[in-house]
Amino acid sequence: MLRSISRFWYRRSLGLLLIRIGTGSVFFAHGLMKLQNMAGTEAFFTNKLHLPPGTAALVMFLELVGGVMLIAGVGARVAGAVLGFVMLAAIYLTDVGSGWPAHELEFLLMVLAFGIALGGAGKLRLAHLFEHDE
């Protein structure tokens, strides 16, 4: 019994699935929050961060679509890389000198997203259901 329990915990794909679901869910939720208050988000991006109009909509789209891609494991490497760079930009643009507490979530999401970009989605992904081993 101990052997079967320990085998359960050494499943790389299950670990990657949990990381993808958690990371993708947070990105999706943040994209949804931006969508629900698009006017306020756009004002923050243009007035406070001095970014061109439309940047907020782009970030919202990347977070929504990228979050779903991570959860499903479809294009997870690309989504992870893109979302990792979004978080790197967020850290830089929101005053990197303000210290760790102000950026711990962005840093964690950046590291997780880049980790998914480097490690891939694993076997437990939506695309794997449609692949055939021949």
C-alpha atoms as a PDB file:
ATOM      1  CA  MET A   1       0.000   0.000   0.000  1.00  0.00           C
ATOM      2  CA  LEU A   2       2.796   2.408   0.839  1.00  0.00           C
ATOM      3  CA  ARG A   3       4.312   1.762  -2.587  1.00  0.00           C
ATOM      4  CA  SER A   4       1.052   2.610  -4.380  1.00  0.00           C
ATOM      5  CA  ILE A   5       0.636   5.802  -2.328  1.00  0.00           C
ATOM      6  CA  SER A   6       4.181   6.926  -3.087  1.00  0.00           C
ATOM      7  CA  ARG A   7       3.703   6.152  -6.807  1.00  0.00           C
ATOM      8  CA  PHE A   8       0.659   8.433  -6.794  1.00  0.00           C
ATOM      9  CA  TRP A   9       2.730  11.401  -5.592  1.00  0.00           C
ATOM     10  CA  TYR A  10       5.440  10.904  -8.229  1.00  0.00           C
ATOM     11  CA  ARG A  11       3.283  11.757 -11.234  1.00  0.00           C
ATOM     12  CA  ARG A  12       4.888  14.581 -13.190  1.00  0.00           C
ATOM     13  CA  SER A  13       1.854  15.141 -15.401  1.00  0.00           C
ATOM     14  CA  LEU A  14      -0.505  15.411 -12.444  1.00  0.00           C
ATOM     15  CA  GLY A  15       1.775  18.011 -10.875  1.00  0.00           C
ATOM     16  CA  LEU A  16       1.929  19.984 -14.110  1.00  0.00           C
ATOM     17  CA  LEU A  17      -1.864  19.797 -14.407  1.00  0.00           C
ATOM     18  CA  LEU A  18      -2.316  21.258 -10.918  1.00  0.00           C
ATOM     19  CA  ILE A  19       0.199  24.034 -11.638  1.00  0.00           C
ATOM     20  CA  ARG A  20      -1.500  24.811 -14.965  1.00  0.00           C
ATOM     21  CA  ILE A  21      -4.994  24.864 -13.434  1.00  0.00           C
ATOM     22  CA  GLY A  22      -3.935  27.123 -10.571  1.00  0.00           C
ATOM     23  CA  THR A  23      -1.918  29.515 -12.704  1.00  0.00           C
ATOM     24  CA  GLY A  24      -4.425  29.590 -15.545  1.00  0.00           C
ATOM     25  CA  SER A  25      -7.308  30.204 -13.146  1.00  0.00           C
ATOM     26  CA  VAL A  26      -5.595  33.222 -11.601  1.00  0.00           C
ATOM     27  CA  PHE A  27      -4.789  34.699 -15.019  1.00  0.00           C
ATOM     28  CA  PHE A  28      -8.342  34.058 -16.231  1.00  0.00           C
ATOM     29  CA  ALA A  29      -9.849  35.646 -13.100  1.00  0.00           C
ATOM     30  CA  HIS A  30      -7.676  38.743 -13.466  1.00  0.00           C
ATOM     31  CA  GLY A  31      -8.588  39.041 -17.142  1.00  0.00           C
ATOM     32  CA  LEU A  32     -12.259  38.737 -16.213  1.00  0.00           C
ATOM     33  CA  MET A  33     -11.894  41.492 -13.601  1.00  0.00           C
ATOM     34  CA  LYS A  34     -10.347  43.746 -16.241  1.00  0.00           C
ATOM     35  CA  LEU A  35     -13.200  42.959 -18.639  1.00  0.00           C
ATOM     36  CA  GLN A  36     -15.855  43.733 -16.020  1.00  0.00           C
ATOM     37  CA  ASN A  37     -14.336  47.175 -15.379  1.00  0.00           C
ATOM     38  CA  MET A  38     -12.821  47.902 -18.775  1.00  0.00           C
ATOM     39  CA  ALA A  39     -13.268  51.687 -18.484  1.00  0.00           C
ATOM     40  CA  GLY A  40     -11.437  51.818 -15.157  1.00  0.00           C
ATOM     41  CA  THR A  41      -8.754  49.438 -16.354  1.00  0.00           C
ATOM     42  CA  GLU A  42      -8.199  51.468 -19.529  1.00  0.00           C
ATOM     43  CA  ALA A  43      -7.988  54.679 -17.479  1.00  0.00           C
ATOM     44  CA  PHE A  44      -5.400  53.104 -15.152  1.00  0.00           C
ATOM     45  CA  PHE A  45      -3.294  51.831 -18.048  1.00  0.00           C
ATOM     46  CA  THR A  46      -3.339  55.137 -19.942  1.00  0.00           C
ATOM     47  CA  ASN A  47      -3.301  57.689 -17.085  1.00  0.00           C
ATOM     48  CA  LYS A  48      -1.204  55.976 -14.411  1.00  0.00           C
ATOM     49  CA  LEU A  49       1.045  53.692 -16.448  1.00  0.00           C
ATOM     50  CA  HIS A  50       1.194  56.005 -19.486  1.00  0.00           C
ATOM     51  CA  LEU A  51       0.551  53.166 -21.930  1.00  0.00           C
ATOM     52  CA  PRO A  52      -1.138  53.662 -25.302  1.00  0.00           C
ATOM     53  CA  PRO A  53      -4.917  53.236 -25.541  1.00  0.00           C
ATOM     54  CA  GLY A  54      -5.896  49.650 -26.215  1.00  0.00           C
ATOM     55  CA  THR A  55      -3.109  48.158 -24.110  1.00  0.00           C
ATOM     56  CA  ALA A  56      -5.570  47.290 -21.344  1.00  0.00           C
ATOM     57  CA  ALA A  57      -7.781  45.438 -23.825  1.00  0.00           C
ATOM     58  CA  LEU A  58      -4.751  43.537 -25.133  1.00  0.00           C
ATOM     59  CA  VAL A  59      -3.645  42.518 -21.628  1.00  0.00           C
ATOM     60  CA  MET A  60      -7.220  41.522 -20.732  1.00  0.00           C
ATOM     61  CA  PHE A  61      -7.436  39.377 -23.875  1.00  0.00           C
ATOM     62  CA  LEU A  62      -4.046  37.753 -23.216  1.00  0.00           C
ATOM     63  CA  GLU A  63      -5.000  36.931 -19.625  1.00  0.00           C
ATOM     64  CA  LEU A  64      -8.397  35.481 -20.553  1.00  0.00           C
ATOM     65  CA  VAL A  65      -7.242  33.424 -23.537  1.00  0.00           C
ATOM     66  CA  GLY A  66      -3.869  32.554 -22.017  1.00  0.00           C
ATOM     67  CA  GLY A  67      -5.540  31.408 -18.802  1.00  0.00           C
ATOM     68  CA  VAL A  68      -7.849  29.072 -20.720  1.00  0.00           C
ATOM     69  CA  MET A  69      -4.916  27.793 -22.777  1.00  0.00           C
ATOM     70  CA  LEU A  70      -2.959  26.990 -19.619  1.00  0.00           C
ATOM     71  CA  ILE A  71      -5.896  25.217 -17.996  1.00  0.00           C
ATOM     72  CA  ALA A  72      -6.572  23.146 -21.125  1.00  0.00           C
ATOM     73  CA  GLY A  73      -2.888  22.569 -21.822  1.00  0.00           C
ATOM     74  CA  VAL A  74      -3.315  23.721 -25.420  1.00  0.00           C
ATOM     75  CA  GLY A  75      -0.431  25.916 -26.533  1.00  0.00           C
ATOM     76  CA  ALA A  76       0.701  26.038 -22.917  1.00  0.00           C
ATOM     77  CA  ARG A  77       4.321  26.830 -23.754  1.00  0.00           C
ATOM     78  CA  VAL A  78       3.371  29.837 -25.875  1.00  0.00           C
ATOM     79  CA  ALA A  79       0.748  31.023 -23.380  1.00  0.00           C
ATOM     80  CA  GLY A  80       3.228  30.622 -20.520  1.00  0.00           C
ATOM     81  CA  ALA A  81       5.895  32.642 -22.315  1.00  0.00           C
ATOM     82  CA  VAL A  82       3.488  35.434 -23.266  1.00  0.00           C
ATOM     83  CA  LEU A  83       1.933  35.646 -19.797  1.00  0.00           C
ATOM     84  CA  GLY A  84       5.373  35.529 -18.196  1.00  0.00           C
ATOM     85  CA  PHE A  85       6.412  38.583 -20.189  1.00  0.00           C
ATOM     86  CA  VAL A  86       3.123  40.320 -19.301  1.00  0.00           C
ATOM     87  CA  MET A  87       3.961  39.822 -15.623  1.00  0.00           C
ATOM     88  CA  LEU A  88       7.553  40.980 -16.136  1.00  0.00           C
ATOM     89  CA  ALA A  89       6.193  44.168 -17.723  1.00  0.00           C
ATOM     90  CA  ALA A  90       3.692  44.567 -14.863  1.00  0.00           C
ATOM     91  CA  ILE A  91       6.488  44.398 -12.298  1.00  0.00           C
ATOM     92  CA  TYR A  92       8.580  46.912 -14.235  1.00  0.00           C
ATOM     93  CA  LEU A  93       5.726  49.332 -14.946  1.00  0.00           C
ATOM     94  CA  THR A  94       4.332  49.395 -11.410  1.00  0.00           C
ATOM     95  CA  ASP A  95       7.507  50.735  -9.785  1.00  0.00           C
ATOM     96  CA  VAL A  96       9.955  47.897  -9.358  1.00  0.00           C
ATOM     97  CA  GLY A  97      11.622  49.786  -6.494  1.00  0.00           C
ATOM     98  CA  SER A  98       8.579  49.471  -4.245  1.00  0.00           C
ATOM     99  CA  GLY A  99       9.798  46.132  -2.941  1.00  0.00           C
ATOM    100  CA  TRP A 100       8.725  42.533  -2.629  1.00  0.00           C
ATOM    101  CA  PRO A 101       5.293  42.898  -0.962  1.00  0.00           C
ATOM    102  CA  ALA A 102       4.010  45.041  -3.829  1.00  0.00           C
ATOM    103  CA  HIS A 103       5.003  42.495  -6.474  1.00  0.00           C
ATOM    104  CA  GLU A 104       4.918  39.049  -4.906  1.00  0.00           C
ATOM    105  CA  LEU A 105       1.833  37.900  -6.858  1.00  0.00           C
ATOM    106  CA  GLU A 106       3.202  39.175 -10.167  1.00  0.00           C
ATOM    107  CA  PHE A 107       6.570  37.569  -9.450  1.00  0.00           C
ATOM    108  CA  LEU A 108       4.986  34.222  -8.555  1.00  0.00           C
ATOM    109  CA  LEU A 109       2.785  34.281 -11.673  1.00  0.00           C
ATOM    110  CA  MET A 110       5.783  35.219 -13.822  1.00  0.00           C
ATOM    111  CA  VAL A 111       7.875  32.327 -12.478  1.00  0.00           C
ATOM    112  CA  LEU A 112       5.008  29.838 -12.836  1.00  0.00           C
ATOM    113  CA  ALA A 113       4.216  31.022 -16.377  1.00  0.00           C
ATOM    114  CA  PHE A 114       7.863  30.793 -17.476  1.00  0.00           C
ATOM    115  CA  GLY A 115       8.089  27.395 -15.767  1.00  0.00           C
ATOM    116  CA  ILE A 116       5.147  26.150 -17.828  1.00  0.00           C
ATOM    117  CA  ALA A 117       6.747  27.625 -20.950  1.00  0.00           C
ATOM    118  CA  LEU A 118       9.926  25.665 -20.236  1.00  0.00           C
ATOM    119  CA  GLY A 119       8.374  22.468 -18.858  1.00  0.00           C
ATOM    120  CA  GLY A 120       5.382  22.096 -21.139  1.00  0.00           C
ATOM    121  CA  ALA A 121       1.876  20.951 -20.336  1.00  0.00           C
ATOM    122  CA  GLY A 122       2.500  17.300 -19.539  1.00  0.00           C
ATOM    123  CA  LYS A 123       0.345  14.377 -20.658  1.00  0.00           C
ATOM    124  CA  LEU A 124      -2.841  15.520 -18.907  1.00  0.00           C
ATOM    125  CA  ARG A 125      -3.955  18.099 -21.435  1.00  0.00           C
ATOM    126  CA  LEU A 126      -6.911  18.531 -23.740  1.00  0.00           C
ATOM    127  CA  ALA A 127      -4.854  18.072 -26.902  1.00  0.00           C
ATOM    128  CA  HIS A 128      -3.609  14.702 -25.616  1.00  0.00           C
ATOM    129  CA  LEU A 129      -7.153  13.317 -25.869  1.00  0.00           C
ATOM    130  CA  PHE A 130      -7.102  13.787 -29.645  1.00  0.00           C
ATOM    131  CA  GLU A 131      -3.600  12.438 -30.287  1.00  0.00           C
ATOM    132  CA  HIS A 132      -3.174   8.890 -31.542  1.00  0.00           C
ATOM    133  CA  ASP A 133      -0.224   6.680 -30.698  1.00  0.00           C
ATOM    134  CA  GLU A 134       0.756   4.668 -33.750  1.00  0.00           C
END
